[in-house]
Amino acid sequence: QVQLVESGGGLVQPGGSLRLSCAASGTISSINFMGWYRQAPGKQRGLVARIMTGGSTYYAGSVQGRFTISRDNAKSTVYLQMNSLKPDDTAVYYCSAGRLGPGYWGQGTQVTVSS
């Protein structure tokens, strides 16, 4: 089993920045995939960004150039630096981890972008 604990959400004005963190614990030796998903009210959960153990990354088109995903393998922690935030970025953000895809989920952290 793998446990994921997110932190760093909150309220921010448009154009502002936030950094989310997600620490993994438990049986983490098989974890290659770590990523961030988000779900806005009335919408399906969707992939925001992911990073593999070797460092390869993927970003959804809506966040490309504004968000940066990074990973500290020694700390089993993944980060999401979010810049130039827009109201459309408002959602619950979920951390996920797994061998090749999302197998485990965190509890979610709310990000609200509003003036």
N, C-alpha and C. Protein backbone atom coordinates (compact mmCIF):
# COMPACT_ATOMS: atom_id res chain seq x y z
N GLN A 1 0.83 -1.19 0.00
CA GLN A 1 0.00 0.00 0.00
C GLN A 1 0.87 1.25 0.00
N VAL A 2 0.35 2.29 -0.62
CA VAL A 2 1.02 3.58 -0.68
C VAL A 2 0.07 4.64 -0.16
N GLN A 3 0.59 5.49 0.69
CA GLN A 3 -0.19 6.61 1.20
C GLN A 3 0.37 7.90 0.60
N LEU A 4 -0.54 8.78 0.20
CA LEU A 4 -0.17 10.06 -0.39
C LEU A 4 -0.81 11.18 0.42
N VAL A 5 0.00 12.16 0.80
CA VAL A 5 -0.49 13.28 1.58
C VAL A 5 -0.14 14.57 0.86
N GLU A 6 -1.18 15.31 0.47
CA GLU A 6 -0.99 16.57 -0.26
C GLU A 6 -1.00 17.75 0.70
N SER A 7 -0.36 18.82 0.27
CA SER A 7 -0.40 20.08 1.00
C SER A 7 -0.15 21.22 0.03
N GLY A 8 -0.52 22.43 0.46
CA GLY A 8 -0.18 23.60 -0.33
C GLY A 8 -1.32 24.29 -1.04
N GLY A 9 -2.52 23.76 -0.96
CA GLY A 9 -3.64 24.43 -1.61
C GLY A 9 -4.05 25.68 -0.86
N GLY A 10 -5.01 26.42 -1.45
CA GLY A 10 -5.50 27.61 -0.79
C GLY A 10 -6.16 28.55 -1.76
N LEU A 11 -6.34 29.78 -1.29
CA LEU A 11 -6.97 30.84 -2.08
C LEU A 11 -5.90 31.78 -2.61
N VAL A 12 -5.96 32.07 -3.90
CA VAL A 12 -4.98 32.95 -4.51
C VAL A 12 -5.68 33.83 -5.54
N GLN A 13 -5.17 35.02 -5.73
CA GLN A 13 -5.74 35.93 -6.72
C GLN A 13 -5.28 35.53 -8.13
N PRO A 14 -6.07 35.89 -9.13
CA PRO A 14 -5.63 35.61 -10.51
C PRO A 14 -4.26 36.21 -10.77
N GLY A 15 -3.42 35.43 -11.46
CA GLY A 15 -2.06 35.84 -11.72
C GLY A 15 -1.08 35.41 -10.65
N GLY A 16 -1.59 34.90 -9.55
CA GLY A 16 -0.73 34.49 -8.45
C GLY A 16 -0.15 33.10 -8.64
N SER A 17 0.57 32.65 -7.61
CA SER A 17 1.25 31.36 -7.66
C SER A 17 0.96 30.55 -6.41
N LEU A 18 1.00 29.24 -6.57
CA LEU A 18 0.92 28.30 -5.46
C LEU A 18 1.83 27.12 -5.78
N ARG A 19 2.30 26.46 -4.73
CA ARG A 19 3.05 25.22 -4.93
C ARG A 19 2.41 24.12 -4.11
N LEU A 20 2.04 23.06 -4.79
CA LEU A 20 1.48 21.88 -4.14
C LEU A 20 2.58 20.86 -3.91
N SER A 21 2.47 20.15 -2.80
CA SER A 21 3.40 19.07 -2.49
C SER A 21 2.62 17.80 -2.20
N CYS A 22 3.23 16.68 -2.50
CA CYS A 22 2.61 15.38 -2.22
C CYS A 22 3.70 14.42 -1.79
N ALA A 23 3.61 13.96 -0.56
CA ALA A 23 4.60 13.04 -0.02
C ALA A 23 4.04 11.62 -0.02
N ALA A 24 4.80 10.69 -0.55
CA ALA A 24 4.40 9.29 -0.60
C ALA A 24 5.10 8.50 0.49
N SER A 25 4.38 7.55 1.06
CA SER A 25 4.96 6.66 2.05
C SER A 25 4.37 5.27 1.89
N GLY A 26 5.01 4.29 2.52
CA GLY A 26 4.54 2.92 2.40
C GLY A 26 5.42 2.14 1.43
N THR A 27 4.80 1.29 0.65
CA THR A 27 5.53 0.44 -0.31
C THR A 27 5.75 1.23 -1.59
N ILE A 28 6.79 2.05 -1.59
CA ILE A 28 6.99 2.99 -2.69
C ILE A 28 8.03 2.53 -3.70
N SER A 29 8.62 1.36 -3.48
CA SER A 29 9.71 0.91 -4.36
C SER A 29 9.23 0.70 -5.79
N SER A 30 7.95 0.41 -5.99
CA SER A 30 7.44 0.15 -7.33
C SER A 30 6.87 1.38 -8.01
N ILE A 31 6.94 2.52 -7.34
CA ILE A 31 6.33 3.73 -7.88
C ILE A 31 7.21 4.34 -8.95
N ASN A 32 6.70 4.43 -10.17
CA ASN A 32 7.37 5.15 -11.25
C ASN A 32 6.61 6.42 -11.62
N PHE A 33 5.30 6.28 -11.66
CA PHE A 33 4.42 7.37 -12.07
C PHE A 33 3.99 8.19 -10.86
N MET A 34 4.12 9.51 -10.97
CA MET A 34 3.53 10.41 -9.99
C MET A 34 2.92 11.57 -10.76
N GLY A 35 1.75 11.96 -10.37
CA GLY A 35 1.08 13.00 -11.14
C GLY A 35 0.06 13.77 -10.34
N TRP A 36 -0.45 14.80 -10.96
CA TRP A 36 -1.49 15.65 -10.38
C TRP A 36 -2.69 15.66 -11.31
N TYR A 37 -3.84 15.46 -10.72
CA TYR A 37 -5.12 15.56 -11.42
C TYR A 37 -5.93 16.67 -10.75
N ARG A 38 -6.96 17.13 -11.43
CA ARG A 38 -7.84 18.10 -10.81
C ARG A 38 -9.27 17.85 -11.23
N GLN A 39 -10.18 18.26 -10.35
CA GLN A 39 -11.60 18.10 -10.62
C GLN A 39 -12.34 19.34 -10.16
N ALA A 40 -12.94 20.03 -11.12
CA ALA A 40 -13.75 21.21 -10.82
C ALA A 40 -15.20 20.76 -10.63
N PRO A 41 -16.00 21.56 -9.94
CA PRO A 41 -17.40 21.19 -9.73
C PRO A 41 -18.12 20.92 -11.04
N GLY A 42 -18.80 19.79 -11.12
CA GLY A 42 -19.56 19.44 -12.31
C GLY A 42 -18.74 18.92 -13.47
N LYS A 43 -17.43 18.74 -13.25
CA LYS A 43 -16.56 18.27 -14.33
C LYS A 43 -15.88 16.98 -13.92
N GLN A 44 -15.38 16.26 -14.90
CA GLN A 44 -14.65 15.03 -14.63
C GLN A 44 -13.22 15.35 -14.18
N ARG A 45 -12.67 14.42 -13.41
CA ARG A 45 -11.28 14.55 -13.01
C ARG A 45 -10.38 14.37 -14.22
N GLY A 46 -9.39 15.24 -14.36
CA GLY A 46 -8.50 15.17 -15.50
C GLY A 46 -7.05 15.34 -15.11
N LEU A 47 -6.17 14.80 -15.93
CA LEU A 47 -4.74 14.88 -15.68
C LEU A 47 -4.24 16.29 -15.92
N VAL A 48 -3.47 16.79 -14.97
CA VAL A 48 -2.84 18.10 -15.10
C VAL A 48 -1.40 17.94 -15.58
N ALA A 49 -0.66 17.09 -14.87
CA ALA A 49 0.75 16.86 -15.20
C ALA A 49 1.19 15.56 -14.56
N ARG A 50 2.21 14.93 -15.17
CA ARG A 50 2.76 13.73 -14.57
C ARG A 50 4.26 13.71 -14.82
N ILE A 51 4.94 12.96 -13.94
CA ILE A 51 6.39 12.81 -14.06
C ILE A 51 6.75 11.39 -13.70
N MET A 52 7.62 10.81 -14.49
CA MET A 52 8.08 9.45 -14.25
C MET A 52 9.39 9.48 -13.47
N THR A 53 9.82 8.35 -12.96
CA THR A 53 11.03 8.29 -12.15
C THR A 53 12.24 8.86 -12.88
N GLY A 54 12.36 8.61 -14.16
CA GLY A 54 13.50 9.09 -14.93
C GLY A 54 13.44 10.56 -15.26
N GLY A 55 12.31 11.21 -14.97
CA GLY A 55 12.19 12.64 -15.15
C GLY A 55 11.33 13.09 -16.33
N SER A 56 10.86 12.16 -17.14
CA SER A 56 10.04 12.59 -18.27
C SER A 56 8.71 13.14 -17.76
N THR A 57 8.25 14.20 -18.39
CA THR A 57 7.05 14.90 -17.94
C THR A 57 6.02 15.01 -19.06
N TYR A 58 4.80 15.24 -18.63
CA TYR A 58 3.69 15.52 -19.54
C TYR A 58 2.82 16.57 -18.89
N TYR A 59 2.31 17.51 -19.69
CA TYR A 59 1.41 18.55 -19.19
C TYR A 59 0.16 18.61 -20.05
N ALA A 60 -0.96 18.86 -19.41
CA ALA A 60 -2.16 19.17 -20.16
C ALA A 60 -1.96 20.50 -20.88
N GLY A 61 -2.58 20.63 -22.02
CA GLY A 61 -2.40 21.84 -22.82
C GLY A 61 -2.80 23.11 -22.10
N SER A 62 -3.80 23.01 -21.23
CA SER A 62 -4.30 24.19 -20.54
C SER A 62 -3.33 24.75 -19.50
N VAL A 63 -2.33 23.96 -19.10
CA VAL A 63 -1.40 24.42 -18.07
C VAL A 63 0.02 24.52 -18.60
N GLN A 64 0.24 24.08 -19.83
CA GLN A 64 1.59 24.10 -20.42
C GLN A 64 2.15 25.52 -20.36
N GLY A 65 3.37 25.63 -19.86
CA GLY A 65 4.02 26.93 -19.77
C GLY A 65 3.72 27.69 -18.49
N ARG A 66 2.72 27.25 -17.73
CA ARG A 66 2.38 27.93 -16.47
C ARG A 66 2.68 27.05 -15.26
N PHE A 67 2.51 25.76 -15.40
CA PHE A 67 2.74 24.82 -14.30
C PHE A 67 4.01 24.03 -14.55
N THR A 68 4.69 23.68 -13.46
CA THR A 68 5.88 22.85 -13.54
C THR A 68 5.79 21.74 -12.51
N ILE A 69 5.92 20.50 -12.97
CA ILE A 69 5.94 19.36 -12.07
C ILE A 69 7.38 18.94 -11.84
N SER A 70 7.70 18.60 -10.60
CA SER A 70 9.04 18.14 -10.28
C SER A 70 8.94 17.05 -9.21
N ARG A 71 10.07 16.41 -9.00
CA ARG A 71 10.02 15.23 -8.13
C ARG A 71 11.34 15.09 -7.41
N ASP A 72 11.27 14.79 -6.13
CA ASP A 72 12.44 14.48 -5.33
C ASP A 72 12.33 13.00 -4.98
N ASN A 73 13.05 12.16 -5.71
CA ASN A 73 12.93 10.71 -5.50
C ASN A 73 13.44 10.30 -4.12
N ALA A 74 14.44 11.01 -3.61
CA ALA A 74 14.97 10.67 -2.29
C ALA A 74 13.93 10.90 -1.20
N LYS A 75 13.08 11.90 -1.40
CA LYS A 75 12.04 12.21 -0.41
C LYS A 75 10.68 11.62 -0.81
N SER A 76 10.63 10.95 -1.96
CA SER A 76 9.37 10.38 -2.46
C SER A 76 8.28 11.45 -2.49
N THR A 77 8.64 12.60 -2.98
CA THR A 77 7.73 13.74 -2.99
C THR A 77 7.64 14.33 -4.39
N VAL A 78 6.44 14.68 -4.78
CA VAL A 78 6.22 15.34 -6.06
C VAL A 78 5.64 16.72 -5.79
N TYR A 79 6.03 17.68 -6.62
CA TYR A 79 5.61 19.06 -6.46
C TYR A 79 4.90 19.54 -7.73
N LEU A 80 4.02 20.50 -7.55
CA LEU A 80 3.41 21.17 -8.69
C LEU A 80 3.48 22.67 -8.44
N GLN A 81 4.37 23.34 -9.17
CA GLN A 81 4.48 24.79 -9.09
C GLN A 81 3.50 25.38 -10.09
N MET A 82 2.59 26.18 -9.59
CA MET A 82 1.55 26.75 -10.44
C MET A 82 1.70 28.26 -10.47
N ASN A 83 1.98 28.79 -11.65
CA ASN A 83 2.15 30.23 -11.84
C ASN A 83 1.06 30.76 -12.76
N SER A 84 0.90 32.07 -12.75
CA SER A 84 -0.09 32.73 -13.62
C SER A 84 -1.45 32.06 -13.51
N LEU A 85 -1.87 31.84 -12.30
CA LEU A 85 -3.11 31.12 -12.07
C LEU A 85 -4.33 31.90 -12.57
N LYS A 86 -5.29 31.14 -13.09
CA LYS A 86 -6.51 31.71 -13.64
C LYS A 86 -7.72 31.16 -12.86
N PRO A 87 -8.84 31.86 -12.91
CA PRO A 87 -10.04 31.32 -12.24
C PRO A 87 -10.40 29.92 -12.72
N ASP A 88 -10.12 29.61 -13.99
CA ASP A 88 -10.42 28.28 -14.52
C ASP A 88 -9.56 27.19 -13.89
N ASP A 89 -8.52 27.57 -13.18
CA ASP A 89 -7.69 26.58 -12.49
C ASP A 89 -8.30 26.14 -11.15
N THR A 90 -9.37 26.80 -10.76
CA THR A 90 -10.04 26.45 -9.50
C THR A 90 -10.56 25.01 -9.56
N ALA A 91 -10.15 24.22 -8.58
CA ALA A 91 -10.52 22.80 -8.55
C ALA A 91 -9.95 22.16 -7.29
N VAL A 92 -10.36 20.93 -7.06
CA VAL A 92 -9.67 20.10 -6.07
C VAL A 92 -8.56 19.37 -6.83
N TYR A 93 -7.35 19.49 -6.32
CA TYR A 93 -6.20 18.87 -6.95
C TYR A 93 -5.84 17.59 -6.18
N TYR A 94 -5.67 16.51 -6.94
CA TYR A 94 -5.37 15.21 -6.37
C TYR A 94 -4.00 14.74 -6.83
N CYS A 95 -3.24 14.25 -5.89
CA CYS A 95 -1.97 13.59 -6.20
C CYS A 95 -2.25 12.12 -6.49
N SER A 96 -1.50 11.55 -7.41
CA SER A 96 -1.66 10.14 -7.73
C SER A 96 -0.28 9.52 -7.96
N ALA A 97 -0.18 8.24 -7.69
CA ALA A 97 1.07 7.51 -7.89
C ALA A 97 0.76 6.08 -8.26
N GLY A 98 1.71 5.45 -8.94
CA GLY A 98 1.53 4.06 -9.32
C GLY A 98 2.73 3.57 -10.10
N ARG A 99 2.64 2.33 -10.56
CA ARG A 99 3.78 1.77 -11.29
C ARG A 99 3.92 2.42 -12.66
N LEU A 100 2.88 2.46 -13.42
CA LEU A 100 2.92 3.09 -14.74
C LEU A 100 1.78 4.08 -14.94
N GLY A 101 0.89 4.16 -13.98
CA GLY A 101 -0.24 5.05 -14.06
C GLY A 101 -0.82 5.29 -12.69
N PRO A 102 -1.96 5.97 -12.61
CA PRO A 102 -2.56 6.30 -11.31
C PRO A 102 -3.16 5.10 -10.61
N GLY A 103 -2.47 4.62 -9.57
CA GLY A 103 -2.98 3.49 -8.81
C GLY A 103 -3.42 3.88 -7.42
N TYR A 104 -2.79 4.89 -6.86
CA TYR A 104 -3.08 5.38 -5.52
C TYR A 104 -3.41 6.86 -5.61
N TRP A 105 -4.28 7.30 -4.67
CA TRP A 105 -4.73 8.68 -4.69
C TRP A 105 -4.60 9.32 -3.32
N GLY A 106 -4.31 10.63 -3.34
CA GLY A 106 -4.36 11.41 -2.11
C GLY A 106 -5.78 11.88 -1.85
N GLN A 107 -5.94 12.61 -0.76
CA GLN A 107 -7.27 13.03 -0.35
C GLN A 107 -7.74 14.29 -1.08
N GLY A 108 -6.84 14.96 -1.75
CA GLY A 108 -7.20 16.16 -2.49
C GLY A 108 -6.96 17.43 -1.69
N THR A 109 -6.62 18.49 -2.40
CA THR A 109 -6.44 19.80 -1.78
C THR A 109 -7.10 20.84 -2.66
N GLN A 110 -7.84 21.75 -2.03
CA GLN A 110 -8.60 22.74 -2.78
C GLN A 110 -7.71 23.90 -3.21
N VAL A 111 -7.82 24.26 -4.48
CA VAL A 111 -7.17 25.45 -5.01
C VAL A 111 -8.28 26.35 -5.55
N THR A 112 -8.34 27.56 -5.04
CA THR A 112 -9.34 28.52 -5.48
C THR A 112 -8.64 29.77 -5.99
N VAL A 113 -8.93 30.14 -7.22
CA VAL A 113 -8.34 31.33 -7.83
C VAL A 113 -9.47 32.35 -8.01
N SER A 114 -9.40 33.39 -7.21
CA SER A 114 -10.48 34.37 -7.22
C SER A 114 -9.98 35.69 -6.67
N SER A 115 -10.55 36.78 -7.18
CA SER A 115 -10.22 38.10 -6.66
C SER A 115 -11.22 38.51 -5.58
